[in-house]
C-alpha atoms as a PDB file:
ATOM      1  CA  LYS A   1     -27.411  16.114 -76.606  1.00  0.00           C
ATOM      2  CA  SER A   2     -26.711  14.635 -74.095  1.00  0.00           C
ATOM      3  CA  TRP A   3     -24.920  18.433 -72.075  1.00  0.00           C
ATOM      4  CA  ILE A   4     -28.251  19.800 -72.538  1.00  0.00           C
ATOM      5  CA  GLN A   5     -30.338  17.906 -69.767  1.00  0.00           C
ATOM      6  CA  PRO A   6     -27.548  18.899 -67.020  1.00  0.00           C
ATOM      7  CA  LEU A   7     -27.330  22.528 -68.552  1.00  0.00           C
ATOM      8  CA  LEU A   8     -31.078  22.914 -68.296  1.00  0.00           C
ATOM      9  CA  ILE A   9     -31.030  21.761 -64.942  1.00  0.00           C
ATOM     10  CA  HIS A  10     -28.457  23.980 -63.941  1.00  0.00           C
ATOM     11  CA  ILE A  11     -30.468  26.868 -65.181  1.00  0.00           C
ATOM     12  CA  SER A  12     -33.621  26.138 -63.139  1.00  0.00           C
ATOM     13  CA  PHE A  13     -31.586  26.705 -60.272  1.00  0.00           C
ATOM     14  CA  LEU A  14     -30.138  29.987 -60.892  1.00  0.00           C
ATOM     15  CA  GLY A  15     -33.713  32.135 -61.507  1.00  0.00           C
ATOM     16  CA  GLY A  16     -34.074  35.460 -61.938  1.00  0.00           C
ATOM     17  CA  SER A  17     -33.766  37.040 -64.971  1.00  0.00           C
ATOM     18  CA  THR A  18     -29.885  38.294 -64.315  1.00  0.00           C
ATOM     19  CA  LYS A  19     -29.481  34.369 -63.829  1.00  0.00           C
ATOM     20  CA  MET A  20     -31.198  33.851 -67.377  1.00  0.00           C
ATOM     21  CA  GLU A  21     -28.980  36.240 -68.919  1.00  0.00           C
ATOM     22  CA  SER A  22     -25.345  34.151 -67.870  1.00  0.00           C
ATOM     23  CA  ALA A  23     -26.865  31.365 -69.306  1.00  0.00           C
ATOM     24  CA  ARG A  24     -27.714  32.604 -72.494  1.00  0.00           C
ATOM     25  CA  LYS A  25     -24.473  34.478 -72.509  1.00  0.00           C
ATOM     26  CA  MET A  26     -23.341  30.724 -71.680  1.00  0.00           C
ATOM     27  CA  LEU A  27     -24.959  29.363 -74.561  1.00  0.00           C
ATOM     28  CA  ASP A  28     -24.202  31.918 -77.289  1.00  0.00           C
ATOM     29  CA  GLU A  29     -20.428  31.183 -76.303  1.00  0.00           C
ATOM     30  CA  LEU A  30     -21.091  27.603 -76.346  1.00  0.00           C
ATOM     31  CA  MET A  31     -23.088  27.283 -79.434  1.00  0.00           C
ATOM     32  CA  GLY A  32     -23.014  30.936 -81.135  1.00  0.00           C
ATOM     33  CA  GLN A  33     -25.459  33.558 -81.416  1.00  0.00           C
ATOM     34  CA  ASP A  34     -27.188  32.081 -84.334  1.00  0.00           C
ATOM     35  CA  ARG A  35     -28.102  28.742 -82.549  1.00  0.00           C
ATOM     36  CA  ASN A  36     -32.005  29.435 -82.591  1.00  0.00           C
ATOM     37  CA  ALA A  37     -31.831  30.051 -86.078  1.00  0.00           C
ATOM     38  CA  PRO A  38     -32.409  27.192 -89.176  1.00  0.00           C
ATOM     39  CA  ALA A  39     -29.274  25.595 -90.226  1.00  0.00           C
ATOM     40  CA  THR A  40     -30.340  27.099 -93.682  1.00  0.00           C
ATOM     41  CA  SER A  41     -29.739  30.763 -92.668  1.00  0.00           C
ATOM     42  CA  LYS A  42     -26.720  30.372 -90.481  1.00  0.00           C
ATOM     43  CA  ALA A  43     -24.569  30.165 -93.384  1.00  0.00           C
ATOM     44  CA  SER A  44     -26.291  32.839 -95.182  1.00  0.00           C
ATOM     45  CA  VAL A  45     -25.995  35.781 -92.041  1.00  0.00           C
ATOM     46  CA  LYS A  46     -22.505  37.105 -91.977  1.00  0.00           C
ATOM     47  CA  LEU A  47     -22.138  40.053 -89.526  1.00  0.00           C
ATOM     48  CA  HIS A  48     -19.528  42.927 -89.667  1.00  0.00           C
ATOM     49  CA  PHE A  49     -18.342  44.565 -86.576  1.00  0.00           C
ATOM     50  CA  ASP A  50     -19.621  48.138 -88.171  1.00  0.00           C
ATOM     51  CA  ASP A  51     -23.401  46.437 -88.697  1.00  0.00           C
ATOM     52  CA  GLU A  52     -26.263  48.581 -86.984  1.00  0.00           C
ATOM     53  CA  SER A  53     -27.350  45.480 -85.019  1.00  0.00           C
ATOM     54  CA  VAL A  54     -23.859  45.084 -83.178  1.00  0.00           C
ATOM     55  CA  CYS A  55     -23.237  46.977 -79.967  1.00  0.00           C
ATOM     56  CA  LYS A  56     -20.318  49.388 -80.934  1.00  0.00           C
ATOM     57  CA  HIS A  57     -19.674  49.861 -77.073  1.00  0.00           C
ATOM     58  CA  TYR A  58     -19.585  46.584 -76.732  1.00  0.00           C
ATOM     59  CA  LEU A  59     -16.622  46.197 -78.871  1.00  0.00           C
ATOM     60  CA  LEU A  60     -14.645  48.999 -77.407  1.00  0.00           C
ATOM     61  CA  ALA A  61     -14.870  47.854 -74.027  1.00  0.00           C
ATOM     62  CA  PHE A  62     -18.079  47.531 -72.322  1.00  0.00           C
ATOM     63  CA  CYS A  63     -21.384  48.046 -72.869  1.00  0.00           C
ATOM     64  CA  PRO A  64     -23.524  50.472 -70.446  1.00  0.00           C
ATOM     65  CA  HIS A  65     -26.205  48.025 -70.605  1.00  0.00           C
ATOM     66  CA  ASP A  66     -24.424  45.513 -68.283  1.00  0.00           C
ATOM     67  CA  LEU A  67     -23.635  48.399 -65.864  1.00  0.00           C
ATOM     68  CA  PHE A  68     -25.929  48.551 -62.687  1.00  0.00           C
ATOM     69  CA  PRO A  69     -28.110  45.453 -62.872  1.00  0.00           C
ATOM     70  CA  ASN A  70     -31.395  45.132 -60.798  1.00  0.00           C
ATOM     71  CA  THR A  71     -30.827  49.048 -59.675  1.00  0.00           C
ATOM     72  CA  LYS A  72     -32.864  51.758 -60.206  1.00  0.00           C
ATOM     73  CA  CYS A  73     -30.255  53.025 -62.566  1.00  0.00           C
ATOM     74  CA  ASP A  74     -30.490  50.081 -64.456  1.00  0.00           C
ATOM     75  CA  LEU A  75     -30.781  50.271 -68.288  1.00  0.00           C
ATOM     76  CA  GLY A  76     -31.848  47.029 -69.179  1.00  0.00           C
ATOM     77  CA  ARG A  77     -30.700  43.957 -71.619  1.00  0.00           C
ATOM     78  CA  CYS A  78     -28.938  45.956 -74.831  1.00  0.00           C
ATOM     79  CA  PRO A  79     -30.744  45.202 -77.838  1.00  0.00           C
ATOM     80  CA  LYS A  80     -27.730  44.943 -79.602  1.00  0.00           C
ATOM     81  CA  LYS A  81     -25.421  42.030 -80.350  1.00  0.00           C
ATOM     82  CA  HIS A  82     -22.558  41.240 -78.197  1.00  0.00           C
ATOM     83  CA  ASP A  83     -20.163  38.650 -80.036  1.00  0.00           C
ATOM     84  CA  ASP A  84     -16.771  38.264 -78.888  1.00  0.00           C
ATOM     85  CA  LYS A  85     -15.929  36.695 -82.550  1.00  0.00           C
ATOM     86  CA  LEU A  86     -17.066  40.513 -83.602  1.00  0.00           C
ATOM     87  CA  LYS A  87     -14.794  41.749 -80.812  1.00  0.00           C
ATOM     88  CA  ARG A  88     -11.959  39.861 -81.947  1.00  0.00           C
ATOM     89  CA  ASP A  89     -12.511  41.021 -86.015  1.00  0.00           C
ATOM     90  CA  PHE A  90     -12.743  44.973 -84.738  1.00  0.00           C
ATOM     91  CA  GLU A  91      -9.453  44.619 -82.822  1.00  0.00           C
ATOM     92  CA  THR A  92      -7.710  43.306 -85.884  1.00  0.00           C
ATOM     93  CA  ASP A  93      -8.862  45.121 -88.441  1.00  0.00           C
ATOM     94  CA  PRO A  94      -6.460  47.470 -90.487  1.00  0.00           C
ATOM     95  CA  GLU A  95      -9.032  50.283 -89.805  1.00  0.00           C
ATOM     96  CA  LYS A  96      -9.443  50.365 -86.405  1.00  0.00           C
ATOM     97  CA  PRO A  97      -8.481  53.467 -85.549  1.00  0.00           C
ATOM     98  CA  PHE A  98     -11.036  55.198 -87.659  1.00  0.00           C
ATOM     99  CA  TYR A  99     -14.119  52.847 -86.022  1.00  0.00           C
ATOM    100  CA  GLU A 100     -12.521  53.278 -83.209  1.00  0.00           C
ATOM    101  CA  ARG A 101     -12.435  57.195 -83.073  1.00  0.00           C
ATOM    102  CA  ARG A 102     -16.460  57.372 -84.484  1.00  0.00           C
ATOM    103  CA  TYR A 103     -17.997  54.605 -81.730  1.00  0.00           C
ATOM    104  CA  GLU A 104     -15.837  56.058 -78.616  1.00  0.00           C
ATOM    105  CA  ARG A 105     -17.628  59.853 -79.633  1.00  0.00           C
ATOM    106  CA  GLN A 106     -21.315  57.698 -79.730  1.00  0.00           C
ATOM    107  CA  PHE A 107     -20.127  56.494 -76.688  1.00  0.00           C
ATOM    108  CA  LEU A 108     -19.056  59.589 -75.015  1.00  0.00           C
ATOM    109  CA  GLU A 109     -22.432  60.986 -76.149  1.00  0.00           C
ATOM    110  CA  LEU A 110     -24.009  57.756 -74.283  1.00  0.00           C
ATOM    111  CA  CYS A 111     -22.110  58.574 -71.179  1.00  0.00           C
ATOM    112  CA  GLU A 112     -22.779  62.306 -71.049  1.00  0.00           C
ATOM    113  CA  ASN A 113     -26.296  61.489 -71.373  1.00  0.00           C
ATOM    114  CA  LEU A 114     -26.772  59.212 -68.798  1.00  0.00           C
ATOM    115  CA  ILE A 115     -24.581  61.602 -66.171  1.00  0.00           C
ATOM    116  CA  ALA A 116     -27.180  64.358 -67.028  1.00  0.00           C
ATOM    117  CA  LYS A 117     -30.247  61.682 -66.440  1.00  0.00           C
ATOM    118  CA  VAL A 118     -28.798  60.667 -62.681  1.00  0.00           C
ATOM    119  CA  ASP A 119     -27.707  64.521 -61.990  1.00  0.00           C
ATOM    120  CA  THR A 120     -31.207  65.033 -62.474  1.00  0.00           C
ATOM    121  CA  LYS A 121     -32.535  62.031 -60.194  1.00  0.00           C
ATOM    122  CA  ILE A 122     -29.787  63.648 -57.603  1.00  0.00           C
ATOM    123  CA  LYS A 123     -31.525  67.047 -58.331  1.00  0.00           C
ATOM    124  CA  ARG A 124     -34.677  66.124 -57.704  1.00  0.00           C
ATOM    125  CA  GLY A 125     -33.958  63.914 -54.448  1.00  0.00           C
ATOM    126  CA  LYS A 126     -32.114  66.490 -52.678  1.00  0.00           C
ATOM    127  CA  MET A 127     -34.964  69.082 -53.482  1.00  0.00           C
ATOM    128  CA  ARG A 128     -37.310  66.170 -51.919  1.00  0.00           C
ATOM    129  CA  VAL A 129     -35.333  65.947 -49.277  1.00  0.00           C
ATOM    130  CA  THR A 130     -34.964  69.607 -47.959  1.00  0.00           C
ATOM    131  CA  THR A 131     -38.339  70.723 -48.715  1.00  0.00           C
ATOM    132  CA  PRO A 132     -40.532  71.048 -45.383  1.00  0.00           C
ATOM    133  CA  LEU A 133     -43.486  69.387 -45.109  1.00  0.00           C
ATOM    134  CA  PRO A 134     -46.797  70.598 -44.988  1.00  0.00           C
END
């Protein structure tokens, strides 16, 4: 418990939501993502990398929610779990090629949707710039 006080002091100097996010990630690495769960429930919750609550994009390479923080294109915090242990389990799974193909298709669909949204914003911005003022 003696390490908690310096950590809280460090967090208080960070400030901002992205700083809080980095502190959360640091705590996840140190104590695990289930650090706030009661001790009795920790043993019963065993996630598999294919569970719905796990971010498949993070397992493949990176999560798009981590891109462009604090910009107009910021997607916000990912609602799914990012766990390095699950990523290692995914990497060593004998059926990785099967899961990888499925997750890559989902990732490609998401990227195409994001690109379409940004293209729409660009078109609207160009129209706004080229439209003469009354």
